[in-house]
Amino acid sequence: MSHDLDQLTTEIAALARQRGILVAAAESLTSGAISSAFGRGERASEWFAGGVVAYAERVKRDVLGVTATSVLTPQCARELATGVARLLAADVAVAVTGVGGPDPEEGLPPGTVYAAVTAGDDVTEAVWRFDGDPSAVVEQTVRAALELVRSALT
């Protein structure tokens, strides 16, 4: 994990522990990389409830309750976040979905990412366009998602 991801995770861990908040993640294109970062955080068992890697559309729908027509939409990201928060009884949940590349999907260019963070009844959404190969898109998505969580906790 890069230094800035270590720093973000350290800040998230401290904020969540100070507030007694449980954090969860629902991940599609990042395939567990956000959860992995959280799991390396200080005393993660006290604040990280867990994550669901919902790569297959069936998992998004059957496990996390996604009803969005397309899984490459802001609505899907919102529903992933609220679904994992409900499933894991988390106070704050982050979700990401999108087009990792290298090819476009559903008319969206590679690097198009939709994210959402739920904190209670509040939902914050983000849309990002990242450059690079699929692994670079994942790295940038993880960093941006952790920044969203940190913002939700401050």
C-alpha atoms as a PDB file:
ATOM      1  CA  MET A   1       0.000   0.000   0.000  1.00  0.00           C
ATOM      2  CA  SER A   2       1.418   3.379  -0.925  1.00  0.00           C
ATOM      3  CA  HIS A   3       2.264   5.957   1.706  1.00  0.00           C
ATOM      4  CA  ASP A   4      -0.744   8.153   0.918  1.00  0.00           C
ATOM      5  CA  LEU A   5      -3.110   5.166   1.179  1.00  0.00           C
ATOM      6  CA  ASP A   6      -1.490   4.233   4.497  1.00  0.00           C
ATOM      7  CA  GLN A   7      -2.046   7.798   5.696  1.00  0.00           C
ATOM      8  CA  LEU A   8      -5.683   7.872   4.540  1.00  0.00           C
ATOM      9  CA  THR A   9      -6.386   4.540   6.217  1.00  0.00           C
ATOM     10  CA  THR A  10      -4.728   5.725   9.427  1.00  0.00           C
ATOM     11  CA  GLU A  11      -6.907   8.851   9.442  1.00  0.00           C
ATOM     12  CA  ILE A  12     -10.077   6.849   8.719  1.00  0.00           C
ATOM     13  CA  ALA A  13      -9.245   4.378  11.491  1.00  0.00           C
ATOM     14  CA  ALA A  14      -8.683   7.163  14.028  1.00  0.00           C
ATOM     15  CA  LEU A  15     -11.865   9.027  13.063  1.00  0.00           C
ATOM     16  CA  ALA A  16     -14.033   5.911  13.066  1.00  0.00           C
ATOM     17  CA  ARG A  17     -12.647   4.692  16.399  1.00  0.00           C
ATOM     18  CA  GLN A  18     -13.062   8.122  18.026  1.00  0.00           C
ATOM     19  CA  ARG A  19     -16.720   8.191  17.002  1.00  0.00           C
ATOM     20  CA  GLY A  20     -17.475   4.509  17.534  1.00  0.00           C
ATOM     21  CA  ILE A  21     -18.473   4.168  13.874  1.00  0.00           C
ATOM     22  CA  LEU A  22     -18.493   0.967  11.834  1.00  0.00           C
ATOM     23  CA  VAL A  23     -17.384   1.271   8.207  1.00  0.00           C
ATOM     24  CA  ALA A  24     -18.205  -1.112   5.332  1.00  0.00           C
ATOM     25  CA  ALA A  25     -17.480  -1.348   1.610  1.00  0.00           C
ATOM     26  CA  ALA A  26     -19.272  -2.679  -1.468  1.00  0.00           C
ATOM     27  CA  GLU A  27     -16.904  -3.070  -4.385  1.00  0.00           C
ATOM     28  CA  SER A  28     -17.295  -3.930  -8.012  1.00  0.00           C
ATOM     29  CA  LEU A  29     -14.412  -2.766 -10.171  1.00  0.00           C
ATOM     30  CA  THR A  30     -11.935  -2.600  -7.260  1.00  0.00           C
ATOM     31  CA  SER A  31     -12.472  -6.301  -6.422  1.00  0.00           C
ATOM     32  CA  GLY A  32     -11.777  -5.938  -2.706  1.00  0.00           C
ATOM     33  CA  ALA A  33      -8.910  -3.427  -2.824  1.00  0.00           C
ATOM     34  CA  ILE A  34     -10.804  -0.907  -0.650  1.00  0.00           C
ATOM     35  CA  SER A  35     -11.628  -3.587   1.920  1.00  0.00           C
ATOM     36  CA  SER A  36      -8.008  -4.715   1.856  1.00  0.00           C
ATOM     37  CA  ALA A  37      -6.864  -1.160   2.616  1.00  0.00           C
ATOM     38  CA  PHE A  38      -9.363  -0.892   5.482  1.00  0.00           C
ATOM     39  CA  GLY A  39      -8.314  -4.275   6.849  1.00  0.00           C
ATOM     40  CA  ARG A  40      -4.724  -3.062   7.154  1.00  0.00           C
ATOM     41  CA  GLY A  41      -5.866  -0.084   9.223  1.00  0.00           C
ATOM     42  CA  GLU A  42      -4.990   0.208  12.884  1.00  0.00           C
ATOM     43  CA  ARG A  43      -7.260  -1.940  15.075  1.00  0.00           C
ATOM     44  CA  ALA A  44      -9.482  -2.570  12.044  1.00  0.00           C
ATOM     45  CA  SER A  45     -11.561  -5.121  13.941  1.00  0.00           C
ATOM     46  CA  GLU A  46     -12.925  -2.241  16.043  1.00  0.00           C
ATOM     47  CA  TRP A  47     -14.225  -0.140  13.146  1.00  0.00           C
ATOM     48  CA  PHE A  48     -14.242  -2.119   9.871  1.00  0.00           C
ATOM     49  CA  ALA A  49     -17.422  -4.194   9.635  1.00  0.00           C
ATOM     50  CA  GLY A  50     -16.411  -5.844   6.364  1.00  0.00           C
ATOM     51  CA  GLY A  51     -16.969  -5.687   2.661  1.00  0.00           C
ATOM     52  CA  VAL A  52     -18.797  -7.339  -0.191  1.00  0.00           C
ATOM     53  CA  VAL A  53     -17.100  -7.806  -3.537  1.00  0.00           C
ATOM     54  CA  ALA A  54     -20.107  -7.625  -5.830  1.00  0.00           C
ATOM     55  CA  TYR A  55     -18.387  -8.125  -9.157  1.00  0.00           C
ATOM     56  CA  ALA A  56     -21.129 -10.193 -10.791  1.00  0.00           C
ATOM     57  CA  GLU A  57     -24.360  -8.365 -11.558  1.00  0.00           C
ATOM     58  CA  ARG A  58     -26.295 -11.164  -9.835  1.00  0.00           C
ATOM     59  CA  VAL A  59     -24.457 -10.452  -6.571  1.00  0.00           C
ATOM     60  CA  LYS A  60     -25.185  -6.738  -6.833  1.00  0.00           C
ATOM     61  CA  ARG A  61     -28.874  -7.486  -7.259  1.00  0.00           C
ATOM     62  CA  ASP A  62     -29.443 -10.581  -5.087  1.00  0.00           C
ATOM     63  CA  VAL A  63     -27.146  -9.788  -2.161  1.00  0.00           C
ATOM     64  CA  LEU A  64     -27.134  -5.983  -2.020  1.00  0.00           C
ATOM     65  CA  GLY A  65     -30.551  -5.175  -3.502  1.00  0.00           C
ATOM     66  CA  VAL A  66     -29.524  -3.156  -6.543  1.00  0.00           C
ATOM     67  CA  THR A  67     -32.548  -2.279  -8.687  1.00  0.00           C
ATOM     68  CA  ALA A  68     -30.860   0.172 -11.092  1.00  0.00           C
ATOM     69  CA  THR A  69     -31.435  -0.728 -14.738  1.00  0.00           C
ATOM     70  CA  SER A  70     -27.681  -0.469 -15.378  1.00  0.00           C
ATOM     71  CA  VAL A  71     -24.983  -1.384 -12.874  1.00  0.00           C
ATOM     72  CA  LEU A  72     -22.836   1.378 -14.371  1.00  0.00           C
ATOM     73  CA  THR A  73     -24.795   4.297 -12.884  1.00  0.00           C
ATOM     74  CA  PRO A  74     -24.827   6.606  -9.877  1.00  0.00           C
ATOM     75  CA  GLN A  75     -28.043   4.857  -8.749  1.00  0.00           C
ATOM     76  CA  CYS A  76     -26.197   1.534  -8.637  1.00  0.00           C
ATOM     77  CA  ALA A  77     -23.413   3.043  -6.505  1.00  0.00           C
ATOM     78  CA  ARG A  78     -26.013   4.473  -4.086  1.00  0.00           C
ATOM     79  CA  GLU A  79     -27.832   1.164  -3.854  1.00  0.00           C
ATOM     80  CA  LEU A  80     -24.585  -0.749  -3.324  1.00  0.00           C
ATOM     81  CA  ALA A  81     -23.642   1.579  -0.453  1.00  0.00           C
ATOM     82  CA  THR A  82     -27.046   1.449   1.237  1.00  0.00           C
ATOM     83  CA  GLY A  83     -27.255  -2.311   0.671  1.00  0.00           C
ATOM     84  CA  VAL A  84     -23.899  -3.082   2.280  1.00  0.00           C
ATOM     85  CA  ALA A  85     -24.603  -0.684   5.164  1.00  0.00           C
ATOM     86  CA  ARG A  86     -27.851  -2.545   5.846  1.00  0.00           C
ATOM     87  CA  LEU A  87     -26.318  -6.011   5.378  1.00  0.00           C
ATOM     88  CA  LEU A  88     -23.351  -5.369   7.675  1.00  0.00           C
ATOM     89  CA  ALA A  89     -25.045  -2.939  10.108  1.00  0.00           C
ATOM     90  CA  ALA A  90     -22.462  -0.251   9.280  1.00  0.00           C
ATOM     91  CA  ASP A  91     -22.793   3.446  10.092  1.00  0.00           C
ATOM     92  CA  VAL A  92     -20.765   4.529   7.059  1.00  0.00           C
ATOM     93  CA  ALA A  93     -20.473   2.606   3.799  1.00  0.00           C
ATOM     94  CA  VAL A  94     -18.627   3.262   0.565  1.00  0.00           C
ATOM     95  CA  ALA A  95     -19.380   1.694  -2.814  1.00  0.00           C
ATOM     96  CA  VAL A  96     -17.772   1.853  -6.240  1.00  0.00           C
ATOM     97  CA  THR A  97     -18.787   0.615  -9.666  1.00  0.00           C
ATOM     98  CA  GLY A  98     -17.610   1.503 -13.120  1.00  0.00           C
ATOM     99  CA  VAL A  99     -15.589   0.729 -16.199  1.00  0.00           C
ATOM    100  CA  GLY A 100     -12.063  -0.352 -15.379  1.00  0.00           C
ATOM    101  CA  GLY A 101     -11.125  -0.840 -18.994  1.00  0.00           C
ATOM    102  CA  PRO A 102      -9.404  -1.366 -21.253  1.00  0.00           C
ATOM    103  CA  ASP A 103     -12.554  -1.210 -23.394  1.00  0.00           C
ATOM    104  CA  PRO A 104     -15.673   0.962 -23.119  1.00  0.00           C
ATOM    105  CA  GLU A 105     -18.848  -0.537 -21.653  1.00  0.00           C
ATOM    106  CA  GLU A 106     -22.411   0.630 -22.235  1.00  0.00           C
ATOM    107  CA  GLY A 107     -21.047   3.623 -24.148  1.00  0.00           C
ATOM    108  CA  LEU A 108     -18.937   4.747 -21.169  1.00  0.00           C
ATOM    109  CA  PRO A 109     -15.203   5.262 -21.637  1.00  0.00           C
ATOM    110  CA  PRO A 110     -12.716   3.240 -19.606  1.00  0.00           C
ATOM    111  CA  GLY A 111     -11.940   4.936 -16.301  1.00  0.00           C
ATOM    112  CA  THR A 112     -15.540   6.034 -15.657  1.00  0.00           C
ATOM    113  CA  VAL A 113     -16.251   5.373 -11.991  1.00  0.00           C
ATOM    114  CA  TYR A 114     -19.351   5.967  -9.876  1.00  0.00           C
ATOM    115  CA  ALA A 115     -19.064   6.065  -6.106  1.00  0.00           C
ATOM    116  CA  ALA A 116     -21.298   6.695  -3.132  1.00  0.00           C
ATOM    117  CA  VAL A 117     -20.812   7.002   0.603  1.00  0.00           C
ATOM    118  CA  THR A 118     -23.668   6.658   3.042  1.00  0.00           C
ATOM    119  CA  ALA A 119     -23.468   8.073   6.544  1.00  0.00           C
ATOM    120  CA  GLY A 120     -26.796   7.570   8.250  1.00  0.00           C
ATOM    121  CA  ASP A 121     -29.405   9.070   5.930  1.00  0.00           C
ATOM    122  CA  ASP A 122     -26.844  11.206   4.075  1.00  0.00           C
ATOM    123  CA  VAL A 123     -25.539   9.996   0.731  1.00  0.00           C
ATOM    124  CA  THR A 124     -22.610  11.602  -1.061  1.00  0.00           C
ATOM    125  CA  GLU A 125     -22.074  10.689  -4.695  1.00  0.00           C
ATOM    126  CA  ALA A 126     -19.078  11.093  -6.960  1.00  0.00           C
ATOM    127  CA  VAL A 127     -18.281  10.497 -10.617  1.00  0.00           C
ATOM    128  CA  TRP A 128     -14.665  10.214 -11.666  1.00  0.00           C
ATOM    129  CA  ARG A 129     -12.883   9.795 -14.995  1.00  0.00           C
ATOM    130  CA  PHE A 130      -9.473   8.208 -14.483  1.00  0.00           C
ATOM    131  CA  ASP A 131      -6.758   7.597 -17.059  1.00  0.00           C
ATOM    132  CA  GLY A 132      -4.525   4.585 -17.422  1.00  0.00           C
ATOM    133  CA  ASP A 133      -4.728   0.839 -17.689  1.00  0.00           C
ATOM    134  CA  PRO A 134      -7.188  -1.145 -15.536  1.00  0.00           C
ATOM    135  CA  SER A 135      -4.773  -1.453 -12.594  1.00  0.00           C
ATOM    136  CA  ALA A 136      -4.140   2.312 -12.632  1.00  0.00           C
ATOM    137  CA  VAL A 137      -7.899   2.941 -12.667  1.00  0.00           C
ATOM    138  CA  VAL A 138      -8.305   0.650  -9.635  1.00  0.00           C
ATOM    139  CA  GLU A 139      -5.478   2.389  -7.738  1.00  0.00           C
ATOM    140  CA  GLN A 140      -6.951   5.826  -8.415  1.00  0.00           C
ATOM    141  CA  THR A 141     -10.438   4.620  -7.465  1.00  0.00           C
ATOM    142  CA  VAL A 142      -9.244   3.205  -4.134  1.00  0.00           C
ATOM    143  CA  ARG A 143      -7.502   6.460  -3.229  1.00  0.00           C
ATOM    144  CA  ALA A 144     -10.527   8.573  -4.203  1.00  0.00           C
ATOM    145  CA  ALA A 145     -12.917   6.267  -2.346  1.00  0.00           C
ATOM    146  CA  LEU A 146     -10.833   6.471   0.833  1.00  0.00           C
ATOM    147  CA  GLU A 147     -10.843  10.259   0.516  1.00  0.00           C
ATOM    148  CA  LEU A 148     -14.651  10.168   0.268  1.00  0.00           C
ATOM    149  CA  VAL A 149     -14.872   8.064   3.429  1.00  0.00           C
ATOM    150  CA  ARG A 150     -12.498  10.387   5.286  1.00  0.00           C
ATOM    151  CA  SER A 151     -14.658  13.353   4.268  1.00  0.00           C
ATOM    152  CA  ALA A 152     -17.803  11.582   5.479  1.00  0.00           C
ATOM    153  CA  LEU A 153     -16.152  11.016   8.866  1.00  0.00           C
ATOM    154  CA  THR A 154     -14.967  14.616   9.339  1.00  0.00           C
END
